[in-house]
Amino acid sequence: MMKKHPGMEHDEPYMAHVDPGKKGTIVWTFNRAGSFEFACLIPGHFEAGMIGRITVQ
């Protein structure tokens, strides 16, 4: 989707923009257990491996 619409703005509370070399925080309250994926939405970053998985027990 990002490749199709590279100018999209991401300003939702569950998104964070972090400059290179800086840190950011997202607080997320999970309402169920499971394995969840997250990824960078900047074009090319997902493909470069900026993805992760969190397991909630």
PDB file of N, CA and C in Angstrom:
ATOM      1  N   MET A   1       0.818  -1.186   0.000  1.00  0.00           N
ATOM      2  CA  MET A   1       0.000   0.000   0.000  1.00  0.00           C
ATOM      3  C   MET A   1       0.869   1.260   0.000  1.00  0.00           C
ATOM      4  N   MET A   2       1.977   1.216   0.757  1.00  0.00           N
ATOM      5  CA  MET A   2       2.848   2.396   0.810  1.00  0.00           C
ATOM      6  C   MET A   2       3.491   2.678  -0.544  1.00  0.00           C
ATOM      7  N   LYS A   3       3.815   1.630  -1.293  1.00  0.00           N
ATOM      8  CA  LYS A   3       4.404   1.856  -2.612  1.00  0.00           C
ATOM      9  C   LYS A   3       3.385   2.507  -3.546  1.00  0.00           C
ATOM     10  N   LYS A   4       2.127   2.126  -3.385  1.00  0.00           N
ATOM     11  CA  LYS A   4       1.070   2.667  -4.235  1.00  0.00           C
ATOM     12  C   LYS A   4       0.741   4.112  -3.868  1.00  0.00           C
ATOM     13  N   HIS A   5       0.832   4.455  -2.573  1.00  0.00           N
ATOM     14  CA  HIS A   5       0.500   5.792  -2.082  1.00  0.00           C
ATOM     15  C   HIS A   5       1.637   6.316  -1.198  1.00  0.00           C
ATOM     16  N   PRO A   6       2.782   6.650  -1.762  1.00  0.00           N
ATOM     17  CA  PRO A   6       3.941   7.038  -0.951  1.00  0.00           C
ATOM     18  C   PRO A   6       3.767   8.329  -0.161  1.00  0.00           C
ATOM     19  N   GLY A   7       2.799   9.154  -0.508  1.00  0.00           N
ATOM     20  CA  GLY A   7       2.600  10.410   0.201  1.00  0.00           C
ATOM     21  C   GLY A   7       1.623  10.320   1.366  1.00  0.00           C
ATOM     22  N   MET A   8       1.177   9.113   1.670  1.00  0.00           N
ATOM     23  CA  MET A   8       0.215   8.952   2.760  1.00  0.00           C
ATOM     24  C   MET A   8       0.788   9.471   4.074  1.00  0.00           C
ATOM     25  N   GLU A   9      -0.049  10.106   4.876  1.00  0.00           N
ATOM     26  CA  GLU A   9       0.370  10.567   6.196  1.00  0.00           C
ATOM     27  C   GLU A   9      -0.038   9.528   7.219  1.00  0.00           C
ATOM     28  N   HIS A  10       0.815   9.330   8.198  1.00  0.00           N
ATOM     29  CA  HIS A  10       0.556   8.364   9.258  1.00  0.00           C
ATOM     30  C   HIS A  10       0.596   9.100  10.583  1.00  0.00           C
ATOM     31  N   ASP A  11      -0.569   9.545  11.017  1.00  0.00           N
ATOM     32  CA  ASP A  11      -0.613  10.312  12.261  1.00  0.00           C
ATOM     33  C   ASP A  11      -1.628   9.731  13.238  1.00  0.00           C
ATOM     34  N   GLU A  12      -1.845   8.446  13.160  1.00  0.00           N
ATOM     35  CA  GLU A  12      -2.748   7.778  14.084  1.00  0.00           C
ATOM     36  C   GLU A  12      -2.034   7.549  15.413  1.00  0.00           C
ATOM     37  N   PRO A  13      -2.775   7.409  16.507  1.00  0.00           N
ATOM     38  CA  PRO A  13      -2.129   7.215  17.814  1.00  0.00           C
ATOM     39  C   PRO A  13      -1.329   5.922  17.928  1.00  0.00           C
ATOM     40  N   TYR A  14      -1.576   4.967  17.034  1.00  0.00           N
ATOM     41  CA  TYR A  14      -0.838   3.705  17.063  1.00  0.00           C
ATOM     42  C   TYR A  14       0.341   3.715  16.090  1.00  0.00           C
ATOM     43  N   MET A  15       0.738   4.886  15.637  1.00  0.00           N
ATOM     44  CA  MET A  15       1.876   5.040  14.737  1.00  0.00           C
ATOM     45  C   MET A  15       2.858   6.031  15.337  1.00  0.00           C
ATOM     46  N   ALA A  16       4.145   5.832  15.058  1.00  0.00           N
ATOM     47  CA  ALA A  16       5.164   6.755  15.557  1.00  0.00           C
ATOM     48  C   ALA A  16       6.171   7.037  14.462  1.00  0.00           C
ATOM     49  N   HIS A  17       6.544   8.298  14.322  1.00  0.00           N
ATOM     50  CA  HIS A  17       7.610   8.696  13.401  1.00  0.00           C
ATOM     51  C   HIS A  17       8.839   8.966  14.256  1.00  0.00           C
ATOM     52  N   VAL A  18       9.935   8.310  13.932  1.00  0.00           N
ATOM     53  CA  VAL A  18      11.154   8.436  14.726  1.00  0.00           C
ATOM     54  C   VAL A  18      12.308   8.760  13.786  1.00  0.00           C
ATOM     55  N   ASP A  19      12.997   9.849  14.058  1.00  0.00           N
ATOM     56  CA  ASP A  19      14.149  10.233  13.244  1.00  0.00           C
ATOM     57  C   ASP A  19      15.298   9.251  13.452  1.00  0.00           C
ATOM     58  N   PRO A  20      16.161   9.088  12.447  1.00  0.00           N
ATOM     59  CA  PRO A  20      17.305   8.182  12.583  1.00  0.00           C
ATOM     60  C   PRO A  20      18.124   8.500  13.835  1.00  0.00           C
ATOM     61  N   GLY A  21      18.468   7.465  14.570  1.00  0.00           N
ATOM     62  CA  GLY A  21      19.264   7.616  15.776  1.00  0.00           C
ATOM     63  C   GLY A  21      18.473   8.016  17.012  1.00  0.00           C
ATOM     64  N   LYS A  22      17.172   8.211  16.861  1.00  0.00           N
ATOM     65  CA  LYS A  22      16.322   8.622  17.983  1.00  0.00           C
ATOM     66  C   LYS A  22      15.461   7.439  18.430  1.00  0.00           C
ATOM     67  N   LYS A  23      14.755   7.616  19.527  1.00  0.00           N
ATOM     68  CA  LYS A  23      13.867   6.592  20.065  1.00  0.00           C
ATOM     69  C   LYS A  23      12.445   7.125  20.124  1.00  0.00           C
ATOM     70  N   GLY A  24      11.489   6.222  20.101  1.00  0.00           N
ATOM     71  CA  GLY A  24      10.084   6.587  20.238  1.00  0.00           C
ATOM     72  C   GLY A  24       9.374   5.528  21.050  1.00  0.00           C
ATOM     73  N   THR A  25       8.197   5.850  21.513  1.00  0.00           N
ATOM     74  CA  THR A  25       7.429   4.922  22.332  1.00  0.00           C
ATOM     75  C   THR A  25       5.986   4.889  21.858  1.00  0.00           C
ATOM     76  N   ILE A  26       5.444   3.701  21.801  1.00  0.00           N
ATOM     77  CA  ILE A  26       4.021   3.497  21.564  1.00  0.00           C
ATOM     78  C   ILE A  26       3.527   2.634  22.721  1.00  0.00           C
ATOM     79  N   VAL A  27       2.466   3.067  23.379  1.00  0.00           N
ATOM     80  CA  VAL A  27       1.863   2.274  24.448  1.00  0.00           C
ATOM     81  C   VAL A  27       0.637   1.595  23.862  1.00  0.00           C
ATOM     82  N   TRP A  28       0.625   0.288  23.943  1.00  0.00           N
ATOM     83  CA  TRP A  28      -0.462  -0.489  23.358  1.00  0.00           C
ATOM     84  C   TRP A  28      -1.001  -1.442  24.407  1.00  0.00           C
ATOM     85  N   THR A  29      -2.302  -1.438  24.607  1.00  0.00           N
ATOM     86  CA  THR A  29      -2.937  -2.361  25.538  1.00  0.00           C
ATOM     87  C   THR A  29      -3.604  -3.462  24.728  1.00  0.00           C
ATOM     88  N   PHE A  30      -3.099  -4.668  24.868  1.00  0.00           N
ATOM     89  CA  PHE A  30      -3.652  -5.803  24.134  1.00  0.00           C
ATOM     90  C   PHE A  30      -4.878  -6.328  24.863  1.00  0.00           C
ATOM     91  N   ASN A  31      -5.899  -6.709  24.108  1.00  0.00           N
ATOM     92  CA  ASN A  31      -7.117  -7.227  24.723  1.00  0.00           C
ATOM     93  C   ASN A  31      -7.269  -8.734  24.557  1.00  0.00           C
ATOM     94  N   ARG A  32      -6.228  -9.368  24.012  1.00  0.00           N
ATOM     95  CA  ARG A  32      -6.239 -10.832  23.889  1.00  0.00           C
ATOM     96  C   ARG A  32      -4.817 -11.335  23.705  1.00  0.00           C
ATOM     97  N   ALA A  33      -4.623 -12.583  24.037  1.00  0.00           N
ATOM     98  CA  ALA A  33      -3.316 -13.211  23.831  1.00  0.00           C
ATOM     99  C   ALA A  33      -3.153 -13.551  22.355  1.00  0.00           C
ATOM    100  N   GLY A  34      -1.911 -13.679  21.930  1.00  0.00           N
ATOM    101  CA  GLY A  34      -1.650 -14.065  20.554  1.00  0.00           C
ATOM    102  C   GLY A  34      -0.297 -13.570  20.089  1.00  0.00           C
ATOM    103  N   SER A  35      -0.008 -13.819  18.833  1.00  0.00           N
ATOM    104  CA  SER A  35       1.228 -13.390  18.201  1.00  0.00           C
ATOM    105  C   SER A  35       0.868 -12.318  17.181  1.00  0.00           C
ATOM    106  N   PHE A  36       1.510 -11.165  17.279  1.00  0.00           N
ATOM    107  CA  PHE A  36       1.160 -10.024  16.446  1.00  0.00           C
ATOM    108  C   PHE A  36       2.400  -9.477  15.754  1.00  0.00           C
ATOM    109  N   GLU A  37       2.244  -9.093  14.486  1.00  0.00           N
ATOM    110  CA  GLU A  37       3.346  -8.525  13.718  1.00  0.00           C
ATOM    111  C   GLU A  37       3.237  -7.007  13.698  1.00  0.00           C
ATOM    112  N   PHE A  38       4.379  -6.340  13.603  1.00  0.00           N
ATOM    113  CA  PHE A  38       4.414  -4.904  13.410  1.00  0.00           C
ATOM    114  C   PHE A  38       5.511  -4.610  12.399  1.00  0.00           C
ATOM    115  N   ALA A  39       5.432  -3.456  11.751  1.00  0.00           N
ATOM    116  CA  ALA A  39       6.407  -3.134  10.710  1.00  0.00           C
ATOM    117  C   ALA A  39       6.486  -1.636  10.484  1.00  0.00           C
ATOM    118  N   CYS A  40       7.584  -1.226   9.882  1.00  0.00           N
ATOM    119  CA  CYS A  40       7.772   0.157   9.466  1.00  0.00           C
ATOM    120  C   CYS A  40       6.949   0.407   8.202  1.00  0.00           C
ATOM    121  N   LEU A  41       6.279   1.557   8.138  1.00  0.00           N
ATOM    122  CA  LEU A  41       5.425   1.870   6.995  1.00  0.00           C
ATOM    123  C   LEU A  41       6.100   2.732   5.943  1.00  0.00           C
ATOM    124  N   ILE A  42       7.362   3.098   6.149  1.00  0.00           N
ATOM    125  CA  ILE A  42       8.069   3.897   5.157  1.00  0.00           C
ATOM    126  C   ILE A  42       8.414   2.993   3.969  1.00  0.00           C
ATOM    127  N   PRO A  43       8.148   3.456   2.734  1.00  0.00           N
ATOM    128  CA  PRO A  43       8.385   2.610   1.567  1.00  0.00           C
ATOM    129  C   PRO A  43       9.786   1.993   1.560  1.00  0.00           C
ATOM    130  N   GLY A  44       9.847   0.684   1.349  1.00  0.00           N
ATOM    131  CA  GLY A  44      11.106  -0.048   1.274  1.00  0.00           C
ATOM    132  C   GLY A  44      11.608  -0.571   2.603  1.00  0.00           C
ATOM    133  N   HIS A  45      11.145  -0.019   3.696  1.00  0.00           N
ATOM    134  CA  HIS A  45      11.636  -0.443   5.010  1.00  0.00           C
ATOM    135  C   HIS A  45      11.132  -1.833   5.395  1.00  0.00           C
ATOM    136  N   PHE A  46       9.873  -2.140   5.097  1.00  0.00           N
ATOM    137  CA  PHE A  46       9.345  -3.482   5.360  1.00  0.00           C
ATOM    138  C   PHE A  46      10.177  -4.517   4.612  1.00  0.00           C
ATOM    139  N   GLU A  47      10.419  -4.230   3.335  1.00  0.00           N
ATOM    140  CA  GLU A  47      11.199  -5.153   2.499  1.00  0.00           C
ATOM    141  C   GLU A  47      12.635  -5.287   2.990  1.00  0.00           C
ATOM    142  N   ALA A  48      13.143  -4.245   3.635  1.00  0.00           N
ATOM    143  CA  ALA A  48      14.511  -4.275   4.156  1.00  0.00           C
ATOM    144  C   ALA A  48      14.596  -4.982   5.507  1.00  0.00           C
ATOM    145  N   GLY A  49      13.458  -5.426   6.029  1.00  0.00           N
ATOM    146  CA  GLY A  49      13.472  -6.197   7.264  1.00  0.00           C
ATOM    147  C   GLY A  49      13.067  -5.449   8.510  1.00  0.00           C
ATOM    148  N   MET A  50      12.521  -4.247   8.365  1.00  0.00           N
ATOM    149  CA  MET A  50      12.101  -3.493   9.549  1.00  0.00           C
ATOM    150  C   MET A  50      10.722  -3.976   9.988  1.00  0.00           C
ATOM    151  N   ILE A  51      10.713  -5.211  10.476  1.00  0.00           N
ATOM    152  CA  ILE A  51       9.485  -5.861  10.936  1.00  0.00           C
ATOM    153  C   ILE A  51       9.787  -6.572  12.245  1.00  0.00           C
ATOM    154  N   GLY A  52       8.754  -6.893  12.959  1.00  0.00           N
ATOM    155  CA  GLY A  52       8.932  -7.628  14.213  1.00  0.00           C
ATOM    156  C   GLY A  52       7.668  -8.352  14.585  1.00  0.00           C
ATOM    157  N   ARG A  53       7.776  -9.124  15.644  1.00  0.00           N
ATOM    158  CA  ARG A  53       6.630  -9.889  16.141  1.00  0.00           C
ATOM    159  C   ARG A  53       6.673  -9.809  17.653  1.00  0.00           C
ATOM    160  N   ILE A  54       5.505  -9.678  18.257  1.00  0.00           N
ATOM    161  CA  ILE A  54       5.384  -9.681  19.711  1.00  0.00           C
ATOM    162  C   ILE A  54       4.379 -10.765  20.085  1.00  0.00           C
ATOM    163  N   THR A  55       4.689 -11.492  21.148  1.00  0.00           N
ATOM    164  CA  THR A  55       3.791 -12.539  21.629  1.00  0.00           C
ATOM    165  C   THR A  55       3.226 -12.103  22.968  1.00  0.00           C
ATOM    166  N   VAL A  56       1.917 -12.080  23.053  1.00  0.00           N
ATOM    167  CA  VAL A  56       1.195 -11.702  24.270  1.00  0.00           C
ATOM    168  C   VAL A  56       0.598 -12.972  24.857  1.00  0.00           C
ATOM    169  N   GLN A  57       0.907 -13.204  26.130  1.00  0.00           N
ATOM    170  CA  GLN A  57       0.399 -14.427  26.781  1.00  0.00           C
ATOM    171  C   GLN A  57      -0.728 -14.118  27.722  1.00  0.00           C
TER     172      GLN A  57
END
